[in-house]
Protein backbone atom coordinates (compact mmCIF):
# COMPACT_ATOMS: atom_id res chain seq x y z
CA MET A 1 119.06 121.26 150.53
CA PRO A 2 117.10 124.41 149.80
CA ASP A 3 117.90 126.27 146.48
CA ARG A 4 118.47 129.98 146.14
CA LYS A 5 114.73 130.59 146.52
CA GLY A 6 114.59 128.76 149.87
CA ARG A 7 112.79 125.73 148.42
CA ARG A 8 113.72 122.05 148.07
CA ALA A 9 114.26 121.79 144.45
CA GLY A 10 113.44 118.11 144.07
CA GLU A 11 110.18 118.40 146.08
CA TYR A 12 109.17 121.57 144.39
CA TYR A 13 109.52 120.19 140.92
CA ALA A 14 107.78 117.00 141.87
CA GLN A 15 104.83 119.09 142.98
CA GLN A 16 104.85 121.00 139.85
CA LEU A 17 104.93 117.77 137.72
CA SER A 18 102.27 116.39 140.07
CA LYS A 19 99.87 119.23 139.35
CA ARG A 20 100.34 118.88 135.54
CA LEU A 21 99.82 115.13 135.63
CA LEU A 22 96.66 115.50 137.83
CA GLU A 23 95.25 118.03 135.37
CA MET A 24 95.79 115.43 132.60
CA GLY A 25 93.85 112.82 134.62
CA PHE A 26 96.77 110.73 136.06
CA LYS A 27 96.82 109.43 139.57
CA VAL A 28 99.90 110.76 141.28
CA GLU A 29 101.81 109.95 144.44
CA ILE A 30 104.88 111.74 145.54
CA ARG A 31 107.16 109.59 147.64
CA LEU A 32 110.16 110.94 149.56
CA PRO A 33 113.07 108.95 150.92
CA LYS A 34 112.91 108.20 154.58
CA THR A 35 116.18 109.87 155.52
CA GLU A 36 116.17 113.65 155.49
CA GLY A 37 118.71 115.25 153.10
CA THR A 38 118.79 112.29 150.68
CA ASP A 39 117.45 111.64 147.27
CA TRP A 40 116.36 108.52 145.36
CA ALA A 41 119.92 108.40 143.80
CA ASP A 42 121.29 108.11 147.37
CA VAL A 43 118.77 105.38 148.13
CA TRP A 44 119.68 103.44 144.93
CA MET A 45 123.43 103.76 145.69
CA ASP A 46 122.97 102.42 149.22
CA ALA A 47 120.88 99.54 148.04
CA THR A 48 123.42 98.60 145.43
CA ASN A 49 126.25 98.89 148.01
CA ARG A 50 124.45 96.63 150.35
CA LEU A 51 123.70 94.13 147.65
CA GLY A 52 127.47 94.15 146.76
CA ASN A 53 128.30 93.55 150.37
CA ILE A 54 125.94 90.50 150.51
CA ARG A 55 127.42 89.13 147.34
CA ASP A 56 130.89 89.55 148.73
CA THR A 57 130.04 87.83 152.03
CA LEU A 58 128.30 85.01 150.13
CA LEU A 59 131.33 84.34 147.87
CA THR A 60 133.57 84.53 150.83
CA ASN A 61 131.45 81.95 152.69
CA VAL A 62 131.30 79.70 149.68
CA ILE A 63 135.02 79.71 149.34
CA GLN A 64 135.64 79.24 153.00
CA GLN A 65 133.14 76.39 153.40
CA GLN A 66 134.10 74.90 150.10
CA THR A 67 130.50 74.18 149.45
CA ASP A 68 129.05 73.00 146.11
CA ASP A 69 125.56 74.01 147.28
CA PRO A 70 125.41 77.91 147.45
CA TYR A 71 121.66 77.81 147.85
CA ARG A 72 121.89 76.03 151.18
CA LEU A 73 124.45 78.62 152.17
CA ILE A 74 122.27 81.41 151.16
CA GLU A 75 119.37 79.93 153.27
CA SER A 76 121.76 79.59 156.28
CA MET A 77 122.91 83.28 155.84
CA LEU A 78 119.30 84.49 155.65
CA LYS A 79 118.49 82.76 158.88
CA ASP A 80 121.54 84.57 160.40
CA ASN A 81 120.24 87.91 159.01
CA ILE A 82 123.24 88.79 156.90
């Protein structure tokens, strides 16, 4: 979302920092999230939510199947593209 000056604040400040770091001799690469309108905090939250969902699915399957070998269950779930 553009700030009051019409610029994207995160990208703008990333560019400013990049310039300073380049002047100091650092290699710099600015990466942007794939989804327009998101930032890295959104990406992090989405990833942790998905991991939580995978954990919950695994625990549910372990309980339902009454298995004592969760690793075999994980392999099975990965084959099914949980």
